[in-house]
């Protein structure tokens, strides 16, 4: 019995999984940001970002964009600590932009959240959008600039209408995809 208990202890204590108490607390703080982001409750997210003043306008805008683009979580893995007080959270979503392109893929958005002294200090995001996404975005900016100028004012910089912006982009993406199919 003692041997089994010892082996069980060894099997469960892999060095790569061991997390210090501060790192575990940072993960909890990061998970709160993700919960707030996908609640689509702007006030809740603003409170979660209260110590991340530089990141707040961009992340609040992104939340409105995600809500307007009907982001739906398809896979949410637990956040993981990284060096330098950073926590990585990967969320795979389905959204209207990718659907407008006619693609049968899901995109993973990665949040890197810096937490020090128990407070969220910075939030950075990246995405594995397919190259066609970037092509469509450039096309809409070039060919439909008149349609996105007003709704996309302050694009990812705290602009006032992220939901209207993403809806205009979805329409532009659909036009881009239709033109591409005809070519």
C-alpha atoms as a PDB file:
ATOM      1  CA  UNK A   1       0.000   0.000   0.000  1.00  0.00           C
ATOM      2  CA  UNK A   2       2.825   2.387   0.828  1.00  0.00           C
ATOM      3  CA  UNK A   3       4.496   1.627  -2.528  1.00  0.00           C
ATOM      4  CA  UNK A   4       1.265   2.425  -4.410  1.00  0.00           C
ATOM      5  CA  UNK A   5       0.869   5.675  -2.497  1.00  0.00           C
ATOM      6  CA  UNK A   6       4.469   6.624  -3.258  1.00  0.00           C
ATOM      7  CA  UNK A   7       4.152   5.796  -6.946  1.00  0.00           C
ATOM      8  CA  UNK A   8       0.891   7.701  -7.170  1.00  0.00           C
ATOM      9  CA  UNK A   9       2.588  10.709  -5.663  1.00  0.00           C
ATOM     10  CA  UNK A  10       5.452  10.528  -8.155  1.00  0.00           C
ATOM     11  CA  UNK A  11       3.113  10.071 -11.116  1.00  0.00           C
ATOM     12  CA  UNK A  12       1.054  13.089 -10.144  1.00  0.00           C
ATOM     13  CA  UNK A  13       3.920  15.441  -9.392  1.00  0.00           C
ATOM     14  CA  UNK A  14       5.467  16.016 -12.796  1.00  0.00           C
ATOM     15  CA  UNK A  15       7.857  18.983 -12.646  1.00  0.00           C
ATOM     16  CA  UNK A  16       6.291  20.623 -15.724  1.00  0.00           C
ATOM     17  CA  UNK A  17       2.886  20.678 -14.021  1.00  0.00           C
ATOM     18  CA  UNK A  18       4.015  22.006 -10.636  1.00  0.00           C
ATOM     19  CA  UNK A  19       2.852  25.592 -10.228  1.00  0.00           C
ATOM     20  CA  UNK A  20       3.897  27.986  -7.494  1.00  0.00           C
ATOM     21  CA  UNK A  21       1.240  29.629  -5.393  1.00  0.00           C
ATOM     22  CA  UNK A  22       1.752  33.076  -7.001  1.00  0.00           C
ATOM     23  CA  UNK A  23       1.567  31.520 -10.485  1.00  0.00           C
ATOM     24  CA  UNK A  24      -1.641  29.698  -9.523  1.00  0.00           C
ATOM     25  CA  UNK A  25      -3.106  32.963  -8.232  1.00  0.00           C
ATOM     26  CA  UNK A  26      -2.127  34.649 -11.498  1.00  0.00           C
ATOM     27  CA  UNK A  27      -3.965  31.918 -13.407  1.00  0.00           C
ATOM     28  CA  UNK A  28      -7.091  32.552 -11.309  1.00  0.00           C
ATOM     29  CA  UNK A  29      -6.880  36.288 -12.077  1.00  0.00           C
ATOM     30  CA  UNK A  30      -6.426  35.564 -15.797  1.00  0.00           C
ATOM     31  CA  UNK A  31      -9.383  33.163 -15.837  1.00  0.00           C
ATOM     32  CA  UNK A  32     -11.498  35.977 -14.349  1.00  0.00           C
ATOM     33  CA  UNK A  33     -10.542  38.221 -17.276  1.00  0.00           C
ATOM     34  CA  UNK A  34     -11.529  35.523 -19.769  1.00  0.00           C
ATOM     35  CA  UNK A  35     -14.824  34.917 -17.956  1.00  0.00           C
ATOM     36  CA  UNK A  36     -15.529  38.659 -18.017  1.00  0.00           C
ATOM     37  CA  UNK A  37     -14.560  38.980 -21.701  1.00  0.00           C
ATOM     38  CA  UNK A  38     -16.888  36.209 -22.873  1.00  0.00           C
ATOM     39  CA  UNK A  39     -19.728  37.327 -20.590  1.00  0.00           C
ATOM     40  CA  UNK A  40     -20.089  40.247 -23.029  1.00  0.00           C
ATOM     41  CA  UNK A  41     -20.710  42.441 -19.981  1.00  0.00           C
ATOM     42  CA  UNK A  42     -18.653  45.592 -20.610  1.00  0.00           C
ATOM     43  CA  UNK A  43     -18.824  46.750 -16.981  1.00  0.00           C
ATOM     44  CA  UNK A  44     -17.611  43.407 -15.695  1.00  0.00           C
ATOM     45  CA  UNK A  45     -14.663  43.429 -18.100  1.00  0.00           C
ATOM     46  CA  UNK A  46     -13.837  47.053 -17.285  1.00  0.00           C
ATOM     47  CA  UNK A  47     -13.633  46.108 -13.598  1.00  0.00           C
ATOM     48  CA  UNK A  48     -11.381  43.143 -14.421  1.00  0.00           C
ATOM     49  CA  UNK A  49      -9.102  45.518 -16.360  1.00  0.00           C
ATOM     50  CA  UNK A  50      -9.086  48.302 -13.771  1.00  0.00           C
ATOM     51  CA  UNK A  51      -5.317  47.920 -13.211  1.00  0.00           C
ATOM     52  CA  UNK A  52      -4.538  47.500 -16.911  1.00  0.00           C
ATOM     53  CA  UNK A  53      -5.307  51.027 -18.069  1.00  0.00           C
ATOM     54  CA  UNK A  54      -3.151  50.825 -21.205  1.00  0.00           C
ATOM     55  CA  UNK A  55      -4.822  47.598 -22.370  1.00  0.00           C
ATOM     56  CA  UNK A  56      -8.398  48.440 -21.436  1.00  0.00           C
ATOM     57  CA  UNK A  57      -9.492  50.460 -24.521  1.00  0.00           C
ATOM     58  CA  UNK A  58      -8.258  47.779 -26.950  1.00  0.00           C
ATOM     59  CA  UNK A  59      -9.648  44.831 -24.978  1.00  0.00           C
ATOM     60  CA  UNK A  60     -13.005  46.504 -24.328  1.00  0.00           C
ATOM     61  CA  UNK A  61     -13.238  47.254 -28.048  1.00  0.00           C
ATOM     62  CA  UNK A  62     -12.358  43.656 -28.825  1.00  0.00           C
ATOM     63  CA  UNK A  63     -15.106  42.452 -26.498  1.00  0.00           C
ATOM     64  CA  UNK A  64     -17.672  44.541 -28.406  1.00  0.00           C
ATOM     65  CA  UNK A  65     -16.250  43.251 -31.697  1.00  0.00           C
ATOM     66  CA  UNK A  66     -16.494  39.644 -30.456  1.00  0.00           C
ATOM     67  CA  UNK A  67     -20.063  40.155 -29.276  1.00  0.00           C
ATOM     68  CA  UNK A  68     -21.117  41.799 -32.561  1.00  0.00           C
ATOM     69  CA  UNK A  69     -19.324  39.090 -34.545  1.00  0.00           C
ATOM     70  CA  UNK A  70     -21.142  36.384 -32.584  1.00  0.00           C
ATOM     71  CA  UNK A  71     -18.032  34.727 -31.187  1.00  0.00           C
ATOM     72  CA  UNK A  72     -19.010  31.370 -29.749  1.00  0.00           C
ATOM     73  CA  UNK A  73     -16.566  29.399 -27.664  1.00  0.00           C
ATOM     74  CA  UNK A  74     -15.926  25.966 -29.126  1.00  0.00           C
ATOM     75  CA  UNK A  75     -12.972  25.009 -26.934  1.00  0.00           C
ATOM     76  CA  UNK A  76     -11.592  26.649 -23.845  1.00  0.00           C
ATOM     77  CA  UNK A  77      -8.484  25.141 -22.351  1.00  0.00           C
ATOM     78  CA  UNK A  78      -7.332  26.117 -18.862  1.00  0.00           C
ATOM     79  CA  UNK A  79      -5.048  29.126 -18.730  1.00  0.00           C
ATOM     80  CA  UNK A  80      -1.377  28.270 -18.219  1.00  0.00           C
ATOM     81  CA  UNK A  81       1.355  30.242 -16.470  1.00  0.00           C
ATOM     82  CA  UNK A  82       4.291  31.467 -18.515  1.00  0.00           C
ATOM     83  CA  UNK A  83       7.454  33.300 -17.420  1.00  0.00           C
ATOM     84  CA  UNK A  84       7.465  36.905 -16.238  1.00  0.00           C
ATOM     85  CA  UNK A  85       4.081  36.872 -14.484  1.00  0.00           C
ATOM     86  CA  UNK A  86       2.275  36.119 -17.746  1.00  0.00           C
ATOM     87  CA  UNK A  87      -0.595  33.698 -18.176  1.00  0.00           C
ATOM     88  CA  UNK A  88      -1.571  32.280 -21.574  1.00  0.00           C
ATOM     89  CA  UNK A  89      -5.243  31.562 -22.287  1.00  0.00           C
ATOM     90  CA  UNK A  90      -6.224  29.959 -25.609  1.00  0.00           C
ATOM     91  CA  UNK A  91      -9.873  30.102 -26.658  1.00  0.00           C
ATOM     92  CA  UNK A  92     -11.088  28.509 -29.886  1.00  0.00           C
ATOM     93  CA  UNK A  93     -14.102  30.288 -31.323  1.00  0.00           C
ATOM     94  CA  UNK A  94     -16.511  30.246 -34.204  1.00  0.00           C
ATOM     95  CA  UNK A  95     -17.465  33.661 -35.583  1.00  0.00           C
ATOM     96  CA  UNK A  96     -19.358  35.475 -38.327  1.00  0.00           C
ATOM     97  CA  UNK A  97     -16.211  36.748 -40.082  1.00  0.00           C
ATOM     98  CA  UNK A  98     -14.865  33.287 -40.806  1.00  0.00           C
ATOM     99  CA  UNK A  99     -18.342  32.091 -41.783  1.00  0.00           C
ATOM    100  CA  UNK A 100     -18.687  35.044 -44.189  1.00  0.00           C
ATOM    101  CA  UNK A 101     -15.512  33.843 -45.912  1.00  0.00           C
ATOM    102  CA  UNK A 102     -17.127  30.427 -46.346  1.00  0.00           C
ATOM    103  CA  UNK A 103     -14.399  28.704 -44.361  1.00  0.00           C
ATOM    104  CA  UNK A 104     -15.078  25.640 -42.257  1.00  0.00           C
ATOM    105  CA  UNK A 105     -12.412  26.448 -39.677  1.00  0.00           C
ATOM    106  CA  UNK A 106     -12.368  27.698 -36.146  1.00  0.00           C
ATOM    107  CA  UNK A 107      -9.894  30.267 -34.918  1.00  0.00           C
ATOM    108  CA  UNK A 108      -7.966  30.264 -31.665  1.00  0.00           C
ATOM    109  CA  UNK A 109      -7.576  33.578 -29.904  1.00  0.00           C
ATOM    110  CA  UNK A 110      -4.716  33.683 -27.440  1.00  0.00           C
ATOM    111  CA  UNK A 111      -4.751  36.079 -24.528  1.00  0.00           C
ATOM    112  CA  UNK A 112      -1.480  36.781 -22.720  1.00  0.00           C
ATOM    113  CA  UNK A 113      -2.356  38.344 -19.404  1.00  0.00           C
ATOM    114  CA  UNK A 114       0.298  39.862 -17.165  1.00  0.00           C
ATOM    115  CA  UNK A 115      -0.506  39.743 -13.468  1.00  0.00           C
ATOM    116  CA  UNK A 116       1.642  41.224 -10.719  1.00  0.00           C
ATOM    117  CA  UNK A 117       0.798  41.648  -7.071  1.00  0.00           C
ATOM    118  CA  UNK A 118      -2.550  39.974  -7.751  1.00  0.00           C
ATOM    119  CA  UNK A 119      -3.584  42.628 -10.278  1.00  0.00           C
ATOM    120  CA  UNK A 120      -4.026  42.356 -14.031  1.00  0.00           C
ATOM    121  CA  UNK A 121      -1.513  44.806 -15.517  1.00  0.00           C
ATOM    122  CA  UNK A 122      -1.605  44.060 -19.248  1.00  0.00           C
ATOM    123  CA  UNK A 123      -3.618  42.015 -21.741  1.00  0.00           C
ATOM    124  CA  UNK A 124      -2.319  41.242 -25.219  1.00  0.00           C
ATOM    125  CA  UNK A 125      -4.123  39.161 -27.813  1.00  0.00           C
ATOM    126  CA  UNK A 126      -3.219  37.269 -30.946  1.00  0.00           C
ATOM    127  CA  UNK A 127      -5.107  34.993 -33.272  1.00  0.00           C
ATOM    128  CA  UNK A 128      -4.370  32.237 -35.752  1.00  0.00           C
ATOM    129  CA  UNK A 129      -6.688  33.714 -38.367  1.00  0.00           C
ATOM    130  CA  UNK A 130      -6.140  32.097 -41.772  1.00  0.00           C
ATOM    131  CA  UNK A 131      -4.318  34.178 -44.433  1.00  0.00           C
ATOM    132  CA  UNK A 132      -7.633  34.682 -46.247  1.00  0.00           C
ATOM    133  CA  UNK A 133      -8.841  36.682 -43.236  1.00  0.00           C
ATOM    134  CA  UNK A 134      -6.006  39.188 -43.674  1.00  0.00           C
ATOM    135  CA  UNK A 135      -6.653  39.348 -47.429  1.00  0.00           C
ATOM    136  CA  UNK A 136     -10.330  40.075 -46.814  1.00  0.00           C
ATOM    137  CA  UNK A 137      -9.534  42.703 -44.185  1.00  0.00           C
ATOM    138  CA  UNK A 138      -7.163  44.497 -46.568  1.00  0.00           C
ATOM    139  CA  UNK A 139      -9.725  44.271 -49.387  1.00  0.00           C
ATOM    140  CA  UNK A 140     -12.507  45.743 -47.242  1.00  0.00           C
ATOM    141  CA  UNK A 141     -10.247  48.565 -46.046  1.00  0.00           C
ATOM    142  CA  UNK A 142      -9.293  49.344 -49.649  1.00  0.00           C
ATOM    143  CA  UNK A 143     -12.526  48.647 -51.571  1.00  0.00           C
ATOM    144  CA  UNK A 144     -15.184  49.436 -48.963  1.00  0.00           C
ATOM    145  CA  UNK A 145     -13.455  52.176 -46.979  1.00  0.00           C
ATOM    146  CA  UNK A 146     -16.557  54.361 -47.256  1.00  0.00           C
ATOM    147  CA  UNK A 147     -18.674  51.690 -45.498  1.00  0.00           C
ATOM    148  CA  UNK A 148     -16.318  51.153 -42.584  1.00  0.00           C
ATOM    149  CA  UNK A 149     -14.979  54.689 -42.010  1.00  0.00           C
ATOM    150  CA  UNK A 150     -17.633  55.715 -39.472  1.00  0.00           C
ATOM    151  CA  UNK A 151     -18.493  52.416 -37.749  1.00  0.00           C
ATOM    152  CA  UNK A 152     -14.808  51.444 -37.466  1.00  0.00           C
ATOM    153  CA  UNK A 153     -13.610  54.757 -36.058  1.00  0.00           C
ATOM    154  CA  UNK A 154     -11.071  53.989 -33.346  1.00  0.00           C
ATOM    155  CA  UNK A 155     -10.542  50.457 -34.721  1.00  0.00           C
ATOM    156  CA  UNK A 156      -9.185  48.395 -31.799  1.00  0.00           C
ATOM    157  CA  UNK A 157      -8.225  51.580 -29.992  1.00  0.00           C
ATOM    158  CA  UNK A 158     -11.335  52.156 -27.908  1.00  0.00           C
ATOM    159  CA  UNK A 159     -13.610  53.289 -30.737  1.00  0.00           C
ATOM    160  CA  UNK A 160     -17.283  53.800 -29.901  1.00  0.00           C
ATOM    161  CA  UNK A 161     -18.966  51.247 -32.191  1.00  0.00           C
ATOM    162  CA  UNK A 162     -17.111  47.918 -32.374  1.00  0.00           C
ATOM    163  CA  UNK A 163     -20.317  45.962 -32.939  1.00  0.00           C
ATOM    164  CA  UNK A 164     -21.308  48.120 -35.911  1.00  0.00           C
ATOM    165  CA  UNK A 165     -17.740  47.839 -37.206  1.00  0.00           C
ATOM    166  CA  UNK A 166     -17.676  44.057 -37.148  1.00  0.00           C
ATOM    167  CA  UNK A 167     -21.093  43.890 -38.818  1.00  0.00           C
ATOM    168  CA  UNK A 168     -19.795  46.140 -41.622  1.00  0.00           C
ATOM    169  CA  UNK A 169     -16.699  43.955 -41.877  1.00  0.00           C
ATOM    170  CA  UNK A 170     -18.812  40.777 -42.052  1.00  0.00           C
ATOM    171  CA  UNK A 171     -20.743  42.289 -44.953  1.00  0.00           C
ATOM    172  CA  UNK A 172     -17.482  43.251 -46.657  1.00  0.00           C
ATOM    173  CA  UNK A 173     -16.001  39.797 -46.035  1.00  0.00           C
ATOM    174  CA  UNK A 174     -19.064  38.199 -47.659  1.00  0.00           C
ATOM    175  CA  UNK A 175     -18.646  40.461 -50.717  1.00  0.00           C
ATOM    176  CA  UNK A 176     -14.936  39.612 -50.875  1.00  0.00           C
ATOM    177  CA  UNK A 177     -15.706  35.895 -50.731  1.00  0.00           C
ATOM    178  CA  UNK A 178     -18.407  36.157 -53.404  1.00  0.00           C
ATOM    179  CA  UNK A 179     -16.060  38.030 -55.768  1.00  0.00           C
ATOM    180  CA  UNK A 180     -13.351  35.456 -55.142  1.00  0.00           C
ATOM    181  CA  UNK A 181     -15.728  32.581 -55.993  1.00  0.00           C
ATOM    182  CA  UNK A 182     -16.718  34.295 -59.256  1.00  0.00           C
ATOM    183  CA  UNK A 183     -13.076  34.770 -60.317  1.00  0.00           C
END
